[in-house]
C-alpha cells in the first residue's frame, strides 16, 4: 500500500483516517463509523465485515484513480481532493 500524504479525511466526519491493513487502505477513527478508503475502490462502508457499494465515487480525470478528500471548503464545491497516483499527468491537485 502506498501511504498518502496528506492523509485522507473521512467524508462523513472530516476526521483524519488511520491506516487499515485489513483493506489495504484507510479507515475512519470515529466510533461506529465504518467508512474506508482504498485507491482501488475509493470510499466505501464496511458492514459486518462486508464491503458495501462505494460512496461519493470521484475519479481523477487524467488517470482514473480514486481521489481522496484532504480538505473541506466552506461548501462542497470548495473541497480539495487529491489523486494518490504519483505518476498522474494532472500531478495530484484536483478541485472538485
N, C-alpha and C. Protein backbone atom coordinates (compact mmCIF):
# COMPACT_ATOMS: atom_id res chain seq x y z
N UNK A 1 0.84 -1.18 0.00
CA UNK A 1 0.00 0.00 0.00
C UNK A 1 0.88 1.24 0.00
N UNK A 2 0.52 2.19 -0.82
CA UNK A 2 1.20 3.47 -0.82
C UNK A 2 0.62 4.31 0.31
N UNK A 3 1.47 5.00 1.03
CA UNK A 3 0.97 5.89 2.07
C UNK A 3 0.74 7.25 1.47
N UNK A 4 -0.46 7.75 1.62
CA UNK A 4 -0.84 9.03 1.05
C UNK A 4 -0.38 10.16 1.94
N UNK A 5 -0.03 11.26 1.35
CA UNK A 5 0.31 12.46 2.11
C UNK A 5 -0.32 13.63 1.38
N UNK A 6 -1.16 14.37 1.97
CA UNK A 6 -1.69 14.23 3.31
C UNK A 6 -2.64 13.04 3.44
N UNK A 7 -3.00 12.72 4.67
CA UNK A 7 -3.87 11.59 4.97
C UNK A 7 -5.30 11.92 4.54
N UNK A 8 -6.03 10.94 3.98
CA UNK A 8 -7.42 11.20 3.60
C UNK A 8 -8.30 11.55 4.80
N UNK A 9 -9.32 12.35 4.53
CA UNK A 9 -10.32 12.66 5.55
C UNK A 9 -11.54 11.79 5.32
N UNK A 10 -12.23 11.44 6.40
CA UNK A 10 -13.50 10.74 6.28
C UNK A 10 -14.51 11.74 5.73
N UNK A 11 -15.22 11.43 4.66
CA UNK A 11 -16.19 12.37 4.11
C UNK A 11 -17.42 12.56 5.00
N UNK A 12 -17.62 11.67 5.97
CA UNK A 12 -18.75 11.80 6.89
C UNK A 12 -18.42 12.63 8.11
N UNK A 13 -17.17 12.51 8.61
CA UNK A 13 -16.80 13.15 9.88
C UNK A 13 -15.67 14.17 9.76
N UNK A 14 -15.03 14.24 8.61
CA UNK A 14 -13.89 15.12 8.38
C UNK A 14 -12.70 14.80 9.29
N UNK A 15 -12.66 13.60 9.87
CA UNK A 15 -11.54 13.16 10.69
C UNK A 15 -10.45 12.59 9.80
N UNK A 16 -9.19 12.74 10.22
CA UNK A 16 -8.09 12.10 9.51
C UNK A 16 -8.21 10.60 9.70
N UNK A 17 -8.14 9.88 8.58
CA UNK A 17 -8.30 8.44 8.63
C UNK A 17 -6.99 7.78 9.07
N UNK A 18 -7.10 6.56 9.58
CA UNK A 18 -5.96 5.77 10.06
C UNK A 18 -5.71 4.61 9.09
N UNK A 19 -4.48 4.15 9.03
CA UNK A 19 -4.14 3.01 8.17
C UNK A 19 -4.97 1.81 8.61
N UNK A 20 -5.57 1.12 7.63
CA UNK A 20 -6.38 -0.07 7.87
C UNK A 20 -5.79 -1.20 7.02
N UNK A 21 -4.92 -2.03 7.60
CA UNK A 21 -4.28 -3.09 6.82
C UNK A 21 -5.24 -4.17 6.32
N UNK A 22 -6.41 -4.29 6.96
CA UNK A 22 -7.38 -5.30 6.52
C UNK A 22 -7.80 -5.07 5.08
N UNK A 23 -8.03 -3.81 4.72
CA UNK A 23 -8.46 -3.49 3.35
C UNK A 23 -7.38 -2.77 2.56
N UNK A 24 -6.14 -2.79 3.06
CA UNK A 24 -5.02 -2.10 2.42
C UNK A 24 -5.43 -0.68 2.05
N UNK A 25 -5.87 0.04 3.07
CA UNK A 25 -6.32 1.40 2.87
C UNK A 25 -6.37 2.16 4.17
N UNK A 26 -7.37 3.00 4.31
CA UNK A 26 -7.54 3.87 5.47
C UNK A 26 -8.96 3.74 6.00
N UNK A 27 -9.13 3.87 7.33
CA UNK A 27 -10.44 3.76 7.96
C UNK A 27 -10.67 4.96 8.88
N UNK A 28 -11.93 5.37 9.01
CA UNK A 28 -12.29 6.46 9.89
C UNK A 28 -12.14 6.02 11.35
N UNK A 29 -11.51 6.87 12.19
CA UNK A 29 -11.32 6.51 13.59
C UNK A 29 -12.53 6.82 14.48
N UNK A 30 -13.56 7.50 13.95
CA UNK A 30 -14.73 7.86 14.76
C UNK A 30 -15.50 6.62 15.19
N UNK A 31 -15.93 6.59 16.46
CA UNK A 31 -16.68 5.45 16.98
C UNK A 31 -17.90 5.15 16.12
N UNK A 32 -18.03 3.91 15.72
CA UNK A 32 -19.19 3.47 14.96
C UNK A 32 -19.13 3.75 13.47
N UNK A 33 -18.14 4.52 13.01
CA UNK A 33 -18.04 4.81 11.58
C UNK A 33 -17.28 3.69 10.89
N UNK A 34 -17.79 3.23 9.77
CA UNK A 34 -17.15 2.14 9.03
C UNK A 34 -16.64 2.59 7.66
N UNK A 35 -16.50 3.91 7.46
CA UNK A 35 -16.01 4.42 6.18
C UNK A 35 -14.54 4.06 6.03
N UNK A 36 -14.21 3.52 4.85
CA UNK A 36 -12.86 3.09 4.50
C UNK A 36 -12.51 3.69 3.14
N UNK A 37 -11.22 3.94 2.89
CA UNK A 37 -10.76 4.43 1.59
C UNK A 37 -9.64 3.52 1.09
N UNK A 38 -9.73 3.12 -0.18
CA UNK A 38 -8.63 2.45 -0.88
C UNK A 38 -8.54 3.07 -2.26
N UNK A 39 -7.35 3.03 -2.84
CA UNK A 39 -7.17 3.57 -4.19
C UNK A 39 -7.99 2.79 -5.20
N UNK A 40 -8.16 1.49 -4.98
CA UNK A 40 -8.86 0.65 -5.94
C UNK A 40 -10.37 0.88 -5.95
N UNK A 41 -10.96 1.17 -4.77
CA UNK A 41 -12.41 1.28 -4.65
C UNK A 41 -12.86 2.71 -4.36
N UNK A 42 -12.01 3.50 -3.74
CA UNK A 42 -12.40 4.83 -3.28
C UNK A 42 -12.97 4.70 -1.88
N UNK A 43 -13.95 5.53 -1.54
CA UNK A 43 -14.59 5.47 -0.22
C UNK A 43 -15.74 4.47 -0.24
N UNK A 44 -15.85 3.68 0.83
CA UNK A 44 -16.96 2.72 0.97
C UNK A 44 -17.15 2.44 2.45
N UNK A 45 -18.27 1.84 2.80
CA UNK A 45 -18.55 1.42 4.18
C UNK A 45 -18.35 -0.09 4.29
N UNK A 46 -18.01 -0.53 5.50
CA UNK A 46 -17.88 -1.95 5.79
C UNK A 46 -18.94 -2.28 6.83
N UNK A 47 -19.84 -3.20 6.49
CA UNK A 47 -20.91 -3.61 7.41
C UNK A 47 -20.81 -5.11 7.61
N UNK A 48 -20.62 -5.51 8.86
CA UNK A 48 -20.49 -6.94 9.17
C UNK A 48 -19.30 -7.57 8.46
N UNK A 49 -18.23 -6.79 8.25
CA UNK A 49 -17.05 -7.31 7.58
C UNK A 49 -17.16 -7.36 6.07
N UNK A 50 -18.28 -6.87 5.51
CA UNK A 50 -18.50 -6.92 4.07
C UNK A 50 -18.48 -5.51 3.49
N UNK A 51 -17.74 -5.33 2.39
CA UNK A 51 -17.70 -4.04 1.71
C UNK A 51 -19.06 -3.73 1.11
N UNK A 52 -19.53 -2.51 1.34
CA UNK A 52 -20.77 -2.04 0.74
C UNK A 52 -20.41 -1.26 -0.53
N UNK A 53 -21.41 -0.83 -1.26
CA UNK A 53 -21.13 -0.11 -2.50
C UNK A 53 -20.34 1.17 -2.20
N UNK A 54 -19.55 1.63 -3.16
CA UNK A 54 -18.74 2.84 -2.95
C UNK A 54 -19.58 4.08 -2.66
N UNK A 55 -18.99 5.00 -1.88
CA UNK A 55 -19.59 6.29 -1.56
C UNK A 55 -18.91 7.37 -2.39
N UNK A 56 -19.64 8.37 -2.81
CA UNK A 56 -19.04 9.53 -3.48
C UNK A 56 -17.89 9.16 -4.41
N UNK A 57 -18.18 8.40 -5.43
CA UNK A 57 -17.13 7.96 -6.34
C UNK A 57 -16.60 9.16 -7.12
N UNK A 58 -15.34 9.47 -6.88
CA UNK A 58 -14.66 10.56 -7.59
C UNK A 58 -13.37 9.98 -8.14
N UNK A 59 -13.22 10.12 -9.44
CA UNK A 59 -12.02 9.61 -10.08
C UNK A 59 -11.26 10.76 -10.73
N UNK A 60 -9.97 10.58 -10.80
CA UNK A 60 -9.12 11.57 -11.45
C UNK A 60 -9.47 11.62 -12.95
N UNK A 61 -9.61 12.80 -13.47
CA UNK A 61 -9.96 12.95 -14.88
C UNK A 61 -8.81 12.58 -15.82
N UNK A 62 -7.60 12.50 -15.28
CA UNK A 62 -6.43 12.19 -16.12
C UNK A 62 -5.99 10.74 -16.06
N UNK A 63 -6.14 10.08 -14.88
CA UNK A 63 -5.64 8.71 -14.77
C UNK A 63 -6.67 7.72 -14.22
N UNK A 64 -7.85 8.20 -13.82
CA UNK A 64 -8.98 7.37 -13.35
C UNK A 64 -8.79 6.73 -11.98
N UNK A 65 -7.73 7.05 -11.24
CA UNK A 65 -7.56 6.55 -9.88
C UNK A 65 -8.55 7.29 -8.98
N UNK A 66 -9.02 6.63 -7.92
CA UNK A 66 -9.97 7.24 -6.99
C UNK A 66 -9.31 8.35 -6.19
N UNK A 67 -9.93 9.52 -6.20
CA UNK A 67 -9.43 10.67 -5.44
C UNK A 67 -9.76 10.50 -3.97
N UNK A 68 -9.02 11.24 -3.11
CA UNK A 68 -9.33 11.23 -1.69
C UNK A 68 -9.44 12.67 -1.19
N UNK A 69 -10.32 12.86 -0.21
CA UNK A 69 -10.60 14.16 0.36
C UNK A 69 -9.49 14.57 1.32
N UNK A 70 -8.94 15.80 1.14
CA UNK A 70 -7.90 16.28 2.04
C UNK A 70 -8.29 17.55 2.79
N UNK A 71 -9.31 18.26 2.29
CA UNK A 71 -9.74 19.46 3.00
C UNK A 71 -11.17 19.82 2.60
N UNK A 72 -11.97 20.13 3.61
CA UNK A 72 -13.33 20.60 3.38
C UNK A 72 -13.30 22.11 3.19
N UNK A 73 -14.05 22.59 2.21
CA UNK A 73 -14.18 24.02 2.00
C UNK A 73 -15.43 24.54 2.70
N UNK A 74 -15.73 25.80 2.49
CA UNK A 74 -16.94 26.38 3.09
C UNK A 74 -18.18 25.72 2.53
N UNK A 75 -18.10 25.26 1.29
CA UNK A 75 -19.17 24.45 0.70
C UNK A 75 -18.50 23.33 -0.09
N UNK A 76 -19.28 22.36 -0.48
CA UNK A 76 -18.72 21.16 -1.12
C UNK A 76 -17.96 21.48 -2.41
N UNK A 77 -18.31 22.54 -3.09
CA UNK A 77 -17.60 22.91 -4.31
C UNK A 77 -16.17 23.38 -4.02
N UNK A 78 -15.90 23.77 -2.78
CA UNK A 78 -14.56 24.23 -2.38
C UNK A 78 -13.72 23.13 -1.74
N UNK A 79 -14.26 21.91 -1.67
CA UNK A 79 -13.49 20.79 -1.11
C UNK A 79 -12.26 20.54 -1.98
N UNK A 80 -11.19 20.05 -1.35
CA UNK A 80 -9.98 19.73 -2.10
C UNK A 80 -9.77 18.21 -2.08
N UNK A 81 -9.66 17.65 -3.27
CA UNK A 81 -9.45 16.23 -3.47
C UNK A 81 -8.11 16.04 -4.17
N UNK A 82 -7.37 15.00 -3.80
CA UNK A 82 -6.09 14.71 -4.43
C UNK A 82 -6.09 13.34 -5.06
N UNK A 83 -5.28 13.23 -6.09
CA UNK A 83 -5.04 11.94 -6.73
C UNK A 83 -3.80 11.33 -6.09
N UNK A 84 -3.89 10.08 -5.60
CA UNK A 84 -2.74 9.45 -4.96
C UNK A 84 -1.68 8.93 -5.94
N UNK A 85 -1.99 8.95 -7.22
CA UNK A 85 -1.08 8.42 -8.23
C UNK A 85 0.06 9.40 -8.49
N UNK A 86 1.26 9.06 -8.04
CA UNK A 86 2.41 9.95 -8.21
C UNK A 86 2.80 10.12 -9.68
N UNK A 87 2.35 9.22 -10.52
CA UNK A 87 2.64 9.30 -11.95
C UNK A 87 1.53 9.99 -12.74
N UNK A 88 0.54 10.52 -12.06
CA UNK A 88 -0.62 11.13 -12.72
C UNK A 88 -0.20 12.34 -13.54
N UNK A 89 -0.69 12.45 -14.76
CA UNK A 89 -0.39 13.62 -15.57
C UNK A 89 -0.91 14.93 -14.96
N UNK A 90 -1.96 14.86 -14.17
CA UNK A 90 -2.51 16.06 -13.55
C UNK A 90 -1.69 16.49 -12.33
N UNK A 91 -0.76 15.66 -11.91
CA UNK A 91 0.15 15.88 -10.79
C UNK A 91 -0.57 16.19 -9.50
N UNK A 92 -1.66 15.48 -9.23
CA UNK A 92 -2.32 15.33 -7.94
C UNK A 92 -3.31 16.38 -7.50
N UNK A 93 -3.24 17.63 -7.80
CA UNK A 93 -4.19 18.58 -7.24
C UNK A 93 -5.45 18.66 -8.08
N UNK A 94 -6.60 18.42 -7.43
CA UNK A 94 -7.89 18.47 -8.09
C UNK A 94 -8.84 19.24 -7.20
N UNK A 95 -9.48 20.23 -7.73
CA UNK A 95 -10.56 20.91 -7.01
C UNK A 95 -11.84 20.38 -7.61
N UNK A 96 -12.64 19.75 -6.79
CA UNK A 96 -13.87 19.13 -7.28
C UNK A 96 -15.05 19.80 -6.63
